[in-house]
Amino acid sequence: METTQPQNTPAQLTQSDIDKLSFKEASIELEQIIRNLESGELELEASLVQYANGVLLLNSLQTRLTNAEQRVQVLEDTTQKAAETVDTTAAPSSAYVNE
């Protein structure tokens, strides 16, 4: 016996579906799901699917943010190390500025 989805029930997203979305698209999708759930107009089955989709989207967004924060930290560390190794002995002395 094949189980069919009621017509008003949204499709369950897969991780592959979510990975194809940009961060902005995933954020917008999550916002829409939240609005749908808060409206109270969804049937139980649709609410469960929407909730599951929201959890997947939220997890994906949190992972992406964590990865971005780590990349920024690596860049900051690299920049800081580069700044510490800059040779300032070759810089002109301020004593010659007013001459």
Protein backbone atom coordinates (compact mmCIF):
# COMPACT_ATOMS: atom_id res chain seq x y z
CA MET A 1 0.00 0.00 0.00
CA GLU A 2 1.51 3.29 -1.09
CA THR A 3 1.30 6.25 1.26
CA THR A 4 0.45 9.52 -0.42
CA GLN A 5 0.86 12.98 0.95
CA PRO A 6 -2.26 15.10 1.38
CA GLN A 7 -2.38 17.87 -1.19
CA ASN A 8 -1.80 20.65 1.35
CA THR A 9 1.20 18.97 2.99
CA PRO A 10 4.52 20.47 1.92
CA ALA A 11 7.32 18.20 0.71
CA GLN A 12 9.94 17.02 3.17
CA LEU A 13 13.27 18.66 2.35
CA THR A 14 16.40 16.57 2.07
CA GLN A 15 19.87 17.65 3.12
CA SER A 16 20.74 17.76 -0.58
CA ASP A 17 17.86 20.20 -1.19
CA ILE A 18 19.09 22.42 1.62
CA ASP A 19 22.74 22.29 0.52
CA LYS A 20 21.69 23.69 -2.86
CA LEU A 21 20.23 26.80 -1.21
CA SER A 22 22.33 29.88 -0.58
CA PHE A 23 22.52 31.10 3.00
CA LYS A 24 20.04 33.85 2.17
CA GLU A 25 17.62 31.47 0.45
CA ALA A 26 17.76 29.06 3.40
CA SER A 27 17.15 31.94 5.82
CA ILE A 28 14.13 33.12 3.83
CA GLU A 29 12.78 29.56 3.67
CA LEU A 30 13.16 29.20 7.45
CA GLU A 31 11.39 32.53 8.04
CA GLN A 32 8.50 31.38 5.84
CA ILE A 33 8.24 28.10 7.75
CA ILE A 34 8.15 29.98 11.05
CA ARG A 35 5.35 32.22 9.73
CA ASN A 36 3.41 29.19 8.52
CA LEU A 37 3.74 27.42 11.85
CA GLU A 38 2.84 30.52 13.86
CA SER A 39 -0.25 31.14 11.76
CA GLY A 40 -1.90 28.04 13.19
CA GLU A 41 -3.60 27.36 9.86
CA LEU A 42 -1.67 24.21 8.92
CA GLU A 43 -3.00 20.71 9.38
CA LEU A 44 -1.10 18.49 11.81
CA GLU A 45 0.71 16.57 9.06
CA ALA A 46 1.77 19.75 7.30
CA SER A 47 2.93 21.26 10.59
CA LEU A 48 5.10 18.22 11.31
CA VAL A 49 6.70 18.35 7.86
CA GLN A 50 7.25 22.11 8.16
CA TYR A 51 8.77 21.68 11.63
CA ALA A 52 11.14 18.96 10.39
CA ASN A 53 12.13 21.17 7.44
CA GLY A 54 12.74 24.06 9.82
CA VAL A 55 15.01 21.95 12.02
CA LEU A 56 17.06 20.88 8.99
CA LEU A 57 17.32 24.46 7.75
CA LEU A 58 18.27 25.79 11.18
CA ASN A 59 20.98 23.16 11.61
CA SER A 60 22.36 23.96 8.17
CA LEU A 61 22.38 27.70 8.86
CA GLN A 62 24.10 27.23 12.22
CA THR A 63 26.76 25.02 10.62
CA ARG A 64 27.35 27.56 7.87
CA LEU A 65 27.69 30.37 10.42
CA THR A 66 30.14 28.36 12.50
CA ASN A 67 32.21 27.59 9.39
CA ALA A 68 32.20 31.26 8.38
CA GLU A 69 33.27 32.33 11.88
CA GLN A 70 36.15 29.84 11.76
CA ARG A 71 37.25 31.13 8.36
CA VAL A 72 37.17 34.72 9.62
CA GLN A 73 39.20 33.69 12.68
CA VAL A 74 41.82 32.04 10.47
CA LEU A 75 42.03 35.18 8.33
CA GLU A 76 42.34 37.39 11.39
CA ASP A 77 45.07 35.17 12.83
CA THR A 78 46.94 35.22 9.52
CA THR A 79 46.63 39.01 9.29
CA GLN A 80 47.79 39.47 12.88
CA LYS A 81 50.83 37.23 12.35
CA ALA A 82 51.69 39.12 9.17
CA ALA A 83 51.42 42.45 11.00
CA GLU A 84 53.71 41.21 13.77
CA THR A 85 56.41 40.25 11.27
CA VAL A 86 56.45 43.57 9.40
CA ASP A 87 59.92 45.13 9.53
CA THR A 88 59.49 48.69 10.73
CA THR A 89 63.23 49.45 10.84
CA ALA A 90 63.12 50.46 7.18
CA ALA A 91 60.44 53.09 7.85
CA PRO A 92 61.64 56.70 7.65
CA SER A 93 62.26 58.42 10.91
CA SER A 94 59.86 61.15 11.93
CA ALA A 95 62.90 63.32 12.77
CA TYR A 96 63.31 64.10 9.07
CA VAL A 97 59.71 65.17 8.50
CA ASN A 98 60.18 68.84 9.48
CA GLU A 99 63.55 69.39 7.79
